[in-house]
C-alpha cells in the first residue's frame, strides 16, 4: 500500500510535458502553443499548493533552504549554457544577456534560457509565503465567514500592488501562486462541499474566459486599438490562471479516483513519479536549450521525429548532469 499522495506529482509531470510540447510547437509556430503554455500557471499553482499549509517557524531557514535549492541549479545552468553561448554562438549571446540572467532579470533575451524568467517569480513567491501563511492562520482563527471577504480583499491588494507599483512582475502569475495556497488550505481545513464549489466556479470561469479568448483570436478585427489589445492580453492571462488552476484540480482528482487516493498506485508508477519529482526542476531549466535558439536540434536535424527524440534524450541527460553537479555544490556550501 502506498501512503503518499502522488496526485500532485502526477500533475507536475503533466505540466512538465506540457511546457516541453509548448516550446516545440513554438519552434514550428503551431497555434497549439496557446494552450500548452498553461503549464506555467500549473507550475505556479503547484508551488503554492505545496506550501499552502506549511508551518514556517524559522523564516530565515525557510529562505535559505529554498533559495539554495532554486539558485544553485539555476546559476550552474546559466554559467554553463551561457558560457557555451559566448564561446560557440557569440552572435546570439552577449555579456549583457548573461548579466541579466545573473541578476535574475525576468526580461532576458537569450532564447535558449529565455524560459528562466520563471525563477525570479518563484523566488518572489517564496519571499511572500511565510507572511501569507501567517495572515491566513490569523484570519482562520476567527472561524467566521467574513474571512472569505478578507481573503478576497487581500488578493485584490496584491493585484493592485503589482499592477501599479511593482509592474516588472505580472500580477496574475503571483495571484496564481496564491490561489494554490488558498486551495491547499481549503482542501485540508474545510469540507468537500467548499472544495467542489471552488472547483466548479474555477472550471466555469475557465470555460467562459477561454471561450471569449478563442473568439477574439478568430475575430482579431474586434481589437481595433492598442488599449483593447492590452485588455485582451490581460483577459487571456486571467483565463490561463483559471485554466491552469482547474487542470491541476481536475487532474489530481482523477489520479486520486483511479488509484483510490494513492492506495492502489502501481509500484512502477510510483517509481516513475519519484524520478520525475527528482529531476523536474532541472528538466525545466535545460529543456529549452535543445528546442529554441542557437542550440536547437530542430535546426540541424532534418527529421522532426529524430530531432524530438534527441530533445527528450538530451534534456534528460542534461538534467541528470545538472542535478549531480548541484549536489556537489550543495555539499560544499552545506
Protein backbone atom coordinates (compact mmCIF):
# COMPACT_ATOMS: atom_id res chain seq x y z
CA UNK A 1 0.00 0.00 0.00
CA UNK A 2 1.28 3.49 -0.92
CA UNK A 3 0.76 6.03 1.86
CA UNK A 4 1.94 9.10 -0.01
CA UNK A 5 -0.46 11.02 -2.23
CA UNK A 6 1.22 11.15 -5.63
CA UNK A 7 -1.53 13.14 -7.33
CA UNK A 8 0.44 16.41 -7.19
CA UNK A 9 3.49 14.58 -8.59
CA UNK A 10 1.32 13.44 -11.49
CA UNK A 11 0.11 16.99 -12.11
CA UNK A 12 3.71 18.26 -12.07
CA UNK A 13 4.68 15.59 -14.61
CA UNK A 14 1.82 16.65 -16.89
CA UNK A 15 2.87 20.30 -16.58
CA UNK A 16 6.48 19.36 -17.42
CA UNK A 17 5.35 17.52 -20.55
CA UNK A 18 3.11 20.46 -21.46
CA UNK A 19 5.93 23.02 -21.25
CA UNK A 20 8.23 20.91 -23.44
CA UNK A 21 5.48 20.40 -26.03
CA UNK A 22 4.68 24.13 -25.84
CA UNK A 23 8.23 25.11 -26.80
CA UNK A 24 8.39 22.50 -29.56
CA UNK A 25 5.18 23.94 -31.01
CA UNK A 26 6.63 27.43 -30.55
CA UNK A 27 9.60 26.48 -32.73
CA UNK A 28 7.23 25.35 -35.51
CA UNK A 29 4.81 28.27 -34.93
CA UNK A 30 1.90 25.93 -34.21
CA UNK A 31 -1.23 27.53 -32.77
CA UNK A 32 -1.50 24.90 -30.01
CA UNK A 33 1.32 26.73 -28.23
CA UNK A 34 -1.53 28.94 -27.00
CA UNK A 35 -2.91 26.00 -24.99
CA UNK A 36 0.16 24.16 -23.80
CA UNK A 37 1.79 27.24 -22.28
CA UNK A 38 -0.80 26.95 -19.49
CA UNK A 39 1.88 24.73 -17.93
CA UNK A 40 3.43 27.89 -16.46
CA UNK A 41 0.26 28.63 -14.49
CA UNK A 42 0.13 24.98 -13.42
CA UNK A 43 3.66 25.29 -12.02
CA UNK A 44 2.70 28.41 -10.05
CA UNK A 45 -0.39 26.71 -8.65
CA UNK A 46 1.55 23.55 -7.73
CA UNK A 47 4.24 25.57 -5.94
CA UNK A 48 1.63 27.47 -3.94
CA UNK A 49 -0.24 24.27 -3.14
CA UNK A 50 2.89 22.59 -1.78
CA UNK A 51 3.46 25.44 0.71
CA UNK A 52 -0.18 26.22 1.44
CA UNK A 53 -0.48 24.63 4.85
CA UNK A 54 3.15 24.56 5.91
CA UNK A 55 4.10 25.91 9.32
CA UNK A 56 7.16 28.11 8.91
CA UNK A 57 8.64 28.84 12.32
CA UNK A 58 12.12 29.82 11.14
CA UNK A 59 11.70 32.22 8.23
CA UNK A 60 15.45 32.65 7.63
CA UNK A 61 15.94 28.88 7.45
CA UNK A 62 12.99 28.62 5.05
CA UNK A 63 14.50 31.25 2.77
CA UNK A 64 17.98 29.74 2.93
CA UNK A 65 16.81 26.23 2.09
CA UNK A 66 14.52 27.21 -0.77
CA UNK A 67 16.75 29.86 -2.30
CA UNK A 68 19.67 27.43 -2.29
CA UNK A 69 17.51 24.72 -3.85
CA UNK A 70 16.44 27.08 -6.63
CA UNK A 71 19.57 29.17 -7.23
CA UNK A 72 22.35 26.57 -7.26
CA UNK A 73 21.00 24.64 -10.29
CA UNK A 74 19.91 27.92 -11.86
CA UNK A 75 23.36 29.56 -11.72
CA UNK A 76 25.09 26.37 -12.85
CA UNK A 77 22.74 26.27 -15.83
CA UNK A 78 23.31 29.95 -16.66
CA UNK A 79 27.09 29.71 -16.34
CA UNK A 80 27.41 26.51 -18.37
CA UNK A 81 24.88 27.25 -21.14
CA UNK A 82 25.63 30.97 -21.18
CA UNK A 83 29.35 30.22 -21.38
CA UNK A 84 28.76 27.87 -24.29
CA UNK A 85 26.71 30.57 -25.97
CA UNK A 86 29.53 33.09 -25.63
CA UNK A 87 32.17 30.65 -26.89
CA UNK A 88 30.38 28.81 -29.67
CA UNK A 89 27.46 31.06 -30.60
CA UNK A 90 28.70 34.53 -29.82
CA UNK A 91 26.38 36.17 -32.32
CA UNK A 92 23.32 35.14 -30.31
CA UNK A 93 24.59 35.59 -26.78
CA UNK A 94 26.46 38.50 -25.21
CA UNK A 95 27.62 39.60 -21.79
CA UNK A 96 24.55 41.80 -21.40
CA UNK A 97 22.30 38.74 -21.74
CA UNK A 98 24.36 36.77 -19.23
CA UNK A 99 24.43 39.72 -16.85
CA UNK A 100 20.64 39.99 -16.89
CA UNK A 101 20.36 36.27 -16.18
CA UNK A 102 22.83 36.51 -13.30
CA UNK A 103 20.80 39.25 -11.61
CA UNK A 104 17.56 37.30 -12.20
CA UNK A 105 16.20 39.79 -14.71
CA UNK A 106 13.00 38.19 -15.98
CA UNK A 107 13.32 40.07 -19.29
CA UNK A 108 16.45 38.36 -20.62
CA UNK A 109 16.63 37.93 -24.40
CA UNK A 110 18.82 34.84 -24.70
CA UNK A 111 16.42 32.35 -26.28
CA UNK A 112 17.98 29.04 -25.04
CA UNK A 113 17.45 30.29 -21.46
CA UNK A 114 14.54 32.66 -22.00
CA UNK A 115 12.22 30.38 -20.00
CA UNK A 116 14.24 31.15 -16.87
CA UNK A 117 12.16 34.30 -16.28
CA UNK A 118 10.09 31.97 -14.09
CA UNK A 119 12.85 31.80 -11.46
CA UNK A 120 12.58 35.46 -10.45
CA UNK A 121 8.85 34.99 -9.97
CA UNK A 122 9.03 31.84 -7.89
CA UNK A 123 11.68 33.35 -5.60
CA UNK A 124 9.42 36.34 -5.02
CA UNK A 125 6.58 33.95 -4.21
CA UNK A 126 8.79 32.16 -1.68
CA UNK A 127 9.60 35.52 -0.08
CA UNK A 128 5.89 36.16 0.35
CA UNK A 129 4.94 32.69 1.60
CA UNK A 130 5.70 32.97 5.36
CA UNK A 131 3.76 36.23 5.63
CA UNK A 132 0.84 34.97 3.54
CA UNK A 133 0.58 31.82 5.67
CA UNK A 134 0.68 33.81 8.91
CA UNK A 135 -2.03 36.12 7.60
CA UNK A 136 -4.22 33.15 6.68
CA UNK A 137 -3.55 31.49 10.06
CA UNK A 138 -4.81 34.58 11.86
CA UNK A 139 -7.98 35.07 9.87
CA UNK A 140 -8.79 31.34 10.07
CA UNK A 141 -8.73 31.57 13.87
CA UNK A 142 -11.86 33.72 13.68
CA UNK A 143 -13.91 30.82 12.27
CA UNK A 144 -16.15 33.36 10.55
CA UNK A 145 -17.44 33.71 7.01
CA UNK A 146 -16.02 37.22 6.95
CA UNK A 147 -12.61 35.66 6.40
CA UNK A 148 -13.66 34.95 2.79
CA UNK A 149 -14.03 38.69 2.29
CA UNK A 150 -10.64 39.26 3.91
CA UNK A 151 -9.00 36.75 1.54
CA UNK A 152 -10.64 38.45 -1.46
CA UNK A 153 -9.53 41.90 -0.29
CA UNK A 154 -6.01 40.63 0.37
CA UNK A 155 -5.80 39.12 -3.13
CA UNK A 156 -7.14 42.34 -4.64
CA UNK A 157 -4.49 44.29 -2.72
CA UNK A 158 -1.73 42.06 -4.10
CA UNK A 159 -3.13 42.51 -7.61
CA UNK A 160 -3.24 46.30 -7.30
CA UNK A 161 0.28 46.46 -5.87
CA UNK A 162 1.83 44.53 -8.75
CA UNK A 163 -0.34 46.23 -11.37
CA UNK A 164 0.53 49.77 -10.32
CA UNK A 165 3.78 49.66 -8.34
CA UNK A 166 5.87 46.51 -8.91
CA UNK A 167 4.97 46.47 -12.60
CA UNK A 168 8.04 44.49 -13.66
CA UNK A 169 6.15 41.43 -12.37
CA UNK A 170 2.93 40.14 -13.89
CA UNK A 171 0.38 40.38 -11.11
CA UNK A 172 -1.69 37.40 -12.24
CA UNK A 173 1.24 34.97 -12.03
CA UNK A 174 1.67 35.92 -8.36
CA UNK A 175 -2.09 35.54 -7.86
CA UNK A 176 -1.90 32.05 -9.38
CA UNK A 177 0.64 31.05 -6.72
CA UNK A 178 -1.64 32.46 -4.01
CA UNK A 179 -4.59 30.51 -5.40
CA UNK A 180 -2.52 27.34 -4.94
CA UNK A 181 -2.01 28.26 -1.28
CA UNK A 182 -5.70 29.03 -0.82
CA UNK A 183 -6.80 25.75 -2.41
CA UNK A 184 -4.44 23.68 -0.26
CA UNK A 185 -5.94 25.20 2.88
CA UNK A 186 -9.46 24.86 1.53
CA UNK A 187 -8.97 21.18 0.70
CA UNK A 188 -7.39 20.28 4.05
CA UNK A 189 -9.11 22.57 6.55
CA UNK A 190 -12.67 22.63 5.24
CA UNK A 191 -15.30 20.25 3.89
CA UNK A 192 -15.60 18.64 0.48
CA UNK A 193 -18.57 20.85 -0.40
CA UNK A 194 -16.47 24.04 -0.29
CA UNK A 195 -13.73 22.38 -2.31
CA UNK A 196 -16.13 21.20 -5.02
CA UNK A 197 -17.87 24.60 -5.17
CA UNK A 198 -14.47 26.22 -5.69
CA UNK A 199 -13.58 23.73 -8.44
CA UNK A 200 -16.90 24.27 -10.24
CA UNK A 201 -16.56 28.06 -10.12
CA UNK A 202 -12.99 27.88 -11.44
CA UNK A 203 -13.99 25.40 -14.15
CA UNK A 204 -16.92 27.51 -15.37
CA UNK A 205 -14.70 30.61 -15.26
CA UNK A 206 -12.07 28.84 -17.36
CA UNK A 207 -14.65 27.76 -19.94
CA UNK A 208 -16.06 31.28 -20.21
CA UNK A 209 -12.73 33.15 -20.38
CA UNK A 210 -11.12 30.71 -22.80
CA UNK A 211 -14.25 30.77 -24.96
CA UNK A 212 -14.05 34.55 -25.21
CA UNK A 213 -10.29 34.28 -25.78
CA UNK A 214 -10.80 31.90 -28.72
CA UNK A 215 -13.48 34.17 -30.17
CA UNK A 216 -11.13 37.16 -30.06
CA UNK A 217 -8.35 35.14 -31.70
CA UNK A 218 -10.65 34.13 -34.53
CA UNK A 219 -12.00 37.68 -34.91
CA UNK A 220 -8.96 39.94 -34.49
CA UNK A 221 -10.75 42.82 -36.24
CA UNK A 222 -12.62 43.39 -32.96
CA UNK A 223 -9.38 44.58 -31.35
CA UNK A 224 -9.14 47.94 -33.06
CA UNK A 225 -6.96 49.88 -30.61
CA UNK A 226 -3.82 49.26 -28.57
CA UNK A 227 -5.89 49.71 -25.41
CA UNK A 228 -8.30 46.96 -26.47
CA UNK A 229 -5.40 44.67 -27.38
CA UNK A 230 -3.85 45.26 -23.96
CA UNK A 231 -7.13 44.43 -22.22
CA UNK A 232 -7.46 41.31 -24.38
CA UNK A 233 -4.00 40.13 -23.33
CA UNK A 234 -4.86 40.73 -19.67
CA UNK A 235 -8.08 38.76 -20.16
CA UNK A 236 -6.04 35.97 -21.78
CA UNK A 237 -3.70 35.84 -18.76
CA UNK A 238 -6.64 35.76 -16.35
CA UNK A 239 -8.17 32.91 -18.33
CA UNK A 240 -4.91 31.00 -18.18
CA UNK A 241 -4.83 31.33 -14.39
CA UNK A 242 -8.31 29.82 -14.23
CA UNK A 243 -7.48 27.11 -16.76
CA UNK A 244 -4.19 26.16 -15.09
CA UNK A 245 -5.89 26.05 -11.69
CA UNK A 246 -8.73 23.91 -12.98
CA UNK A 247 -6.39 21.47 -14.75
CA UNK A 248 -4.38 20.98 -11.55
CA UNK A 249 -7.52 20.32 -9.50
CA UNK A 250 -9.13 18.10 -12.15
CA UNK A 251 -6.02 16.01 -12.91
CA UNK A 252 -5.20 15.47 -9.24
CA UNK A 253 -8.78 14.36 -8.53
CA UNK A 254 -8.75 11.96 -11.50
CA UNK A 255 -5.48 10.46 -10.25
CA UNK A 256 -6.89 10.01 -6.74
CA UNK A 257 -10.08 8.48 -8.12
CA UNK A 258 -8.26 5.99 -10.36
CA UNK A 259 -5.78 4.90 -7.69
CA UNK A 260 -8.09 5.11 -4.64
CA UNK A 261 -6.31 8.11 -3.05
CA UNK A 262 -2.94 6.54 -3.78
CA UNK A 263 -3.55 3.19 -2.09
CA UNK A 264 -3.75 1.35 -5.43
CA UNK A 265 -0.94 3.19 -7.21
CA UNK A 266 1.23 0.60 -9.03
CA UNK A 267 4.84 0.43 -7.94
CA UNK A 268 6.17 1.26 -11.41
CA UNK A 269 4.13 4.48 -11.49
CA UNK A 270 5.41 5.41 -8.04
CA UNK A 271 9.00 4.83 -9.20
CA UNK A 272 8.45 6.89 -12.34
CA UNK A 273 6.84 9.76 -10.42
CA UNK A 274 9.67 9.71 -7.86
CA UNK A 275 12.17 10.14 -10.70
CA UNK A 276 10.03 12.87 -12.27
CA UNK A 277 9.87 14.75 -8.97
CA UNK A 278 13.61 14.40 -8.51
CA UNK A 279 14.58 15.88 -11.87
CA UNK A 280 11.57 18.02 -12.89
CA UNK A 281 13.18 21.32 -11.89
CA UNK A 282 16.39 20.59 -13.79
CA UNK A 283 14.33 19.43 -16.78
CA UNK A 284 12.57 22.78 -16.76
CA UNK A 285 15.89 24.63 -16.62
CA UNK A 286 17.57 22.85 -19.53
CA UNK A 287 14.87 21.68 -21.95
CA UNK A 288 14.55 24.88 -23.98
CA UNK A 289 18.26 24.79 -24.84
CA UNK A 290 17.58 21.84 -27.18
CA UNK A 291 14.46 23.36 -28.75
CA UNK A 292 14.76 27.12 -29.28
CA UNK A 293 17.68 29.36 -30.11
CA UNK A 294 21.27 28.74 -31.08
CA UNK A 295 21.46 25.10 -29.94
CA UNK A 296 18.11 23.89 -31.28
CA UNK A 297 18.31 20.32 -32.55
CA UNK A 298 15.48 21.05 -34.98
CA UNK A 299 17.74 23.47 -36.84
CA UNK A 300 20.40 20.83 -37.52
CA UNK A 301 18.40 17.58 -37.81
CA UNK A 302 16.06 17.32 -40.80
CA UNK A 303 13.83 14.60 -39.35
CA UNK A 304 11.38 16.07 -36.83
CA UNK A 305 10.95 12.71 -35.09
CA UNK A 306 14.67 12.09 -34.71
CA UNK A 307 15.17 15.66 -33.50
CA UNK A 308 12.35 15.23 -30.98
CA UNK A 309 13.93 12.03 -29.66
CA UNK A 310 17.18 13.98 -29.40
CA UNK A 311 15.39 16.73 -27.46
CA UNK A 312 13.98 14.22 -24.98
CA UNK A 313 17.23 12.31 -24.51
CA UNK A 314 19.33 15.47 -24.39
CA UNK A 315 17.00 17.06 -21.83
CA UNK A 316 17.05 14.01 -19.56
CA UNK A 317 20.83 13.60 -19.74
CA UNK A 318 21.47 17.33 -19.20
CA UNK A 319 19.01 17.40 -16.28
CA UNK A 320 20.71 14.47 -14.58
CA UNK A 321 24.16 16.04 -15.06
CA UNK A 322 22.91 19.37 -13.71
CA UNK A 323 21.34 17.61 -10.72
CA UNK A 324 24.60 15.78 -9.95
CA UNK A 325 26.65 18.98 -10.25
CA UNK A 326 24.19 20.75 -7.95
CA UNK A 327 24.57 18.01 -5.35
CA UNK A 328 28.33 18.59 -5.36
CA UNK A 329 27.82 22.31 -4.78
CA UNK A 330 25.26 21.61 -2.04
CA UNK A 331 27.84 19.53 -0.19
CA UNK A 332 30.40 22.31 -0.48
CA UNK A 333 28.12 25.06 0.81
CA UNK A 334 26.34 22.89 3.38
